[in-house]
Protein backbone atom coordinates (compact mmCIF):
# COMPACT_ATOMS: atom_id res chain seq x y z
CA MET A 1 4.80 13.34 -67.00
CA GLU A 2 7.00 11.74 -64.00
CA ASN A 3 7.49 13.08 -60.91
CA LYS A 4 11.12 14.85 -60.94
CA THR A 5 11.48 15.55 -57.41
CA ALA A 6 10.35 12.29 -56.06
CA GLN A 7 13.31 10.47 -57.55
CA SER A 8 16.86 10.24 -57.17
CA LEU A 9 19.28 10.69 -59.86
CA HIS A 10 20.12 6.89 -59.98
CA GLU A 11 16.69 5.91 -60.43
CA LYS A 12 16.39 8.56 -63.27
CA LEU A 13 19.58 7.33 -64.98
CA SER A 14 18.32 3.98 -64.69
CA LYS A 15 14.86 4.60 -66.38
CA ILE A 16 16.74 6.45 -69.13
CA GLN A 17 19.22 3.53 -69.77
CA LYS A 18 16.22 1.08 -70.29
CA GLU A 19 14.34 3.67 -72.46
CA PHE A 20 17.01 4.83 -74.44
CA LYS A 21 17.36 4.07 -78.30
CA ALA A 22 19.59 5.88 -80.85
CA ASN A 23 19.36 5.00 -84.62
CA LYS A 24 22.55 4.31 -86.20
CA SER A 25 22.21 7.21 -89.21
CA LYS A 26 25.91 6.92 -90.15
CA PHE A 27 27.46 4.28 -92.61
CA ASN A 28 31.03 3.19 -92.72
CA SER A 29 31.43 2.59 -96.34
CA PHE A 30 35.26 0.37 -95.81
CA GLY A 31 33.55 -1.67 -93.40
CA LYS A 32 30.09 -1.80 -95.05
CA TYR A 33 28.04 -1.49 -91.36
CA ASN A 34 25.78 1.22 -89.98
CA PHE A 35 27.10 2.78 -86.70
CA ARG A 36 25.69 5.56 -84.34
CA SER A 37 27.77 8.86 -83.97
CA ALA A 38 28.20 10.71 -80.39
CA GLU A 39 25.58 13.23 -82.52
CA ASP A 40 22.99 10.37 -82.63
CA ILE A 41 23.48 9.79 -78.93
CA LEU A 42 22.87 13.24 -77.92
CA GLU A 43 19.98 13.96 -80.00
CA ALA A 44 18.58 10.64 -78.79
CA LEU A 45 19.10 12.25 -75.05
CA LYS A 46 17.34 15.45 -75.72
CA PRO A 47 13.79 14.19 -74.89
CA PHE A 48 14.91 12.79 -71.41
CA ASN A 49 15.88 16.15 -70.47
CA GLU A 50 12.61 17.43 -69.77
CA LYS A 51 10.99 14.40 -69.24
CA TYR A 52 13.25 13.38 -66.13
CA GLY A 53 14.57 16.96 -65.09
CA VAL A 54 18.03 16.21 -65.88
CA SER A 55 21.10 17.59 -68.29
CA PHE A 56 23.66 15.70 -70.16
CA THR A 57 27.48 17.25 -70.57
CA ILE A 58 30.59 16.08 -72.21
CA LEU A 59 33.92 17.56 -71.25
CA GLU A 60 37.13 16.90 -72.85
CA SER A 61 40.75 17.17 -72.06
CA LEU A 62 44.20 16.44 -73.38
CA ILE A 63 45.80 14.18 -70.81
CA CYS A 64 49.21 13.04 -72.58
CA GLU A 65 50.75 15.25 -74.97
CA ASN A 66 53.05 12.36 -76.54
CA PRO A 67 51.67 10.66 -77.69
CA PRO A 68 48.25 12.54 -77.61
CA VAL A 69 45.76 11.14 -75.51
CA LEU A 70 42.07 12.48 -74.77
CA LYS A 71 39.88 12.05 -72.03
CA SER A 72 35.92 12.38 -72.45
CA ILE A 73 33.61 12.75 -69.46
CA ALA A 74 29.86 12.18 -70.19
CA THR A 75 28.04 13.71 -66.90
CA ILE A 76 24.12 13.30 -66.17
CA LEU A 77 23.17 16.36 -64.10
CA ASP A 78 19.92 16.61 -62.08
CA ASN A 79 18.37 19.58 -62.67
CA ASN A 80 18.25 20.97 -58.98
CA GLY A 81 22.11 21.37 -59.36
CA ILE A 82 23.39 19.35 -56.72
CA ASN A 83 23.70 15.59 -58.01
CA GLU A 84 25.57 14.09 -60.85
CA ILE A 85 26.96 10.88 -62.14
CA SER A 86 29.86 10.53 -64.77
CA ALA A 87 31.45 8.07 -67.03
CA THR A 88 34.90 8.04 -68.85
CA ALA A 89 36.44 7.15 -71.90
CA ILE A 90 40.25 7.66 -73.02
CA VAL A 91 41.28 7.19 -76.47
CA GLY A 92 44.55 8.01 -77.94
CA VAL A 93 44.93 10.20 -80.98
CA ASP A 94 46.17 8.48 -84.09
CA LEU A 95 48.71 11.17 -85.70
CA GLN A 96 49.41 8.48 -88.51
CA GLN A 97 46.19 8.31 -89.77
CA LYS A 98 46.25 8.71 -93.71
CA GLY A 99 44.42 10.96 -95.47
CA MET A 100 43.56 13.21 -92.64
CA GLN A 101 44.98 16.70 -91.39
CA VAL A 102 45.90 16.88 -87.67
CA PRO A 103 42.66 18.75 -86.66
CA GLN A 104 40.87 15.87 -88.16
CA GLN A 105 42.76 13.34 -86.37
CA PHE A 106 41.94 15.40 -83.23
CA GLY A 107 38.23 15.27 -83.89
CA SER A 108 38.24 11.76 -84.87
CA ALA A 109 39.47 11.09 -81.80
CA SER A 110 37.10 13.30 -79.98
CA SER A 111 34.22 12.14 -81.47
CA TYR A 112 35.08 8.21 -80.40
CA GLY A 113 35.66 9.59 -76.96
CA LYS A 114 32.52 11.39 -76.51
CA LYS A 115 30.75 8.24 -77.97
CA TYR A 116 32.41 5.90 -75.90
CA ALA A 117 31.90 7.96 -72.44
CA LEU A 118 27.95 8.51 -73.33
CA GLY A 119 28.02 4.56 -73.91
CA ASN A 120 29.51 3.97 -70.63
CA LEU A 121 27.10 6.21 -69.15
CA LEU A 122 24.19 5.04 -70.73
CA LEU A 123 25.24 1.38 -70.78
CA ILE A 124 25.26 1.15 -74.57
CA ASP A 125 25.79 -2.46 -75.53
CA ASP A 126 28.47 -1.97 -78.41
CA THR A 127 28.52 -5.71 -79.13
CA GLN A 128 25.66 -5.31 -80.66
CA ASP A 129 27.33 -2.51 -82.70
CA ALA A 130 29.23 -3.30 -85.91
CA ASP A 131 31.58 -0.33 -85.12
CA ALA A 132 33.14 -2.70 -82.15
CA THR A 133 32.71 -5.94 -83.95
CA ASN A 134 33.69 -5.46 -87.18
CA THR A 135 37.49 -6.85 -88.01
CA HIS A 136 37.87 -4.50 -91.08
CA GLY A 137 39.01 -7.48 -93.15
CA LYS A 138 41.47 -8.85 -90.43
CA ALA A 139 39.65 -12.06 -90.31
CA ASP A 140 40.77 -12.93 -93.93
CA ASP A 141 44.14 -13.39 -92.20
CA ASP A 142 43.04 -16.60 -90.64
CA LYS A 143 42.10 -17.96 -94.55
CA LYS A 144 44.68 -19.64 -96.66
CA TRP A 145 45.18 -18.30 -100.10
CA LEU A 146 43.88 -20.07 -102.80
CA ASN A 147 46.43 -20.57 -105.18
CA LEU A 148 46.55 -21.52 -109.12
CA ASN A 149 47.60 -25.08 -110.00
CA THR A 150 47.14 -26.71 -106.27
CA PRO A 151 44.34 -29.57 -105.59
CA GLU A 152 42.31 -26.79 -103.68
CA PHE A 153 42.20 -24.98 -106.91
CA LYS A 154 41.03 -28.06 -108.87
CA LYS A 155 38.29 -28.72 -106.07
CA ALA A 156 37.21 -25.26 -106.53
CA VAL A 157 36.99 -25.47 -110.55
CA ASP A 158 35.16 -28.76 -109.92
CA TYR A 159 32.83 -26.84 -107.40
CA ILE A 160 32.22 -23.87 -109.60
CA ASN A 161 31.54 -26.36 -112.63
CA SER A 162 28.78 -28.37 -110.84
CA GLY A 163 26.90 -24.85 -109.93
CA GLY A 164 28.71 -23.59 -106.90
CA SER A 165 29.33 -20.22 -105.98
CA ILE A 166 32.41 -17.94 -106.04
CA ASP A 167 30.99 -16.44 -102.83
CA VAL A 168 31.30 -19.64 -100.98
CA ILE A 169 34.85 -19.98 -102.22
CA GLU A 170 35.72 -16.48 -101.05
CA LYS A 171 34.34 -17.13 -97.61
CA LYS A 172 36.78 -20.44 -97.43
CA TYR A 173 39.77 -19.04 -99.03
CA LYS A 174 41.95 -15.61 -100.03
CA LEU A 175 41.69 -15.04 -103.71
CA ALA A 176 44.03 -12.74 -105.79
CA SER A 177 42.27 -11.22 -108.64
CA ALA A 178 44.01 -13.55 -111.10
CA THR A 179 42.99 -16.74 -109.42
CA LYS A 180 39.27 -15.28 -109.36
CA GLU A 181 39.54 -14.75 -112.98
CA ALA A 182 40.63 -18.20 -113.59
CA LEU A 183 37.82 -19.80 -111.50
CA LEU A 184 35.33 -17.59 -113.24
CA LYS A 185 36.42 -18.47 -116.80
CA LYS A 186 36.56 -22.52 -115.99
């Protein structure tokens, strides 16, 4: 076991940041990716509490009412009760989110804020997390539509007829269902 008293809180946090791993146990069916939740992060932190003589807390507050904005503060505390280090995340509450009641909208923003406050404290690299890099289909906005009876459509038909894949065409063009059906019938 580590010598808890000989290390500063900064040294302990640095070691935790190096050792920390949290599973991505949740799946986003819309974006088709796995992600880690605040709960995953908190669960993965529990073994460090005893190992390094620390505790983690998260405080939340409403810092603006219109529009609603939440502030989440993740803190690591030395069990000596003296030292602490905090990191903050600020998130808005989307009251226009379809299919959710107001408590769910606040809960979603709260979870997101906790996750990012913890991520800031623990130096979790979100560039590796599809939750941060997923475009939710927005990259398709850069693609051109493939329309019936155009030179591009003729090339796509020739490509399919020569054994090409519809997947390759879909990576290059946006396809209406009627266009896709026409390609697959050729």
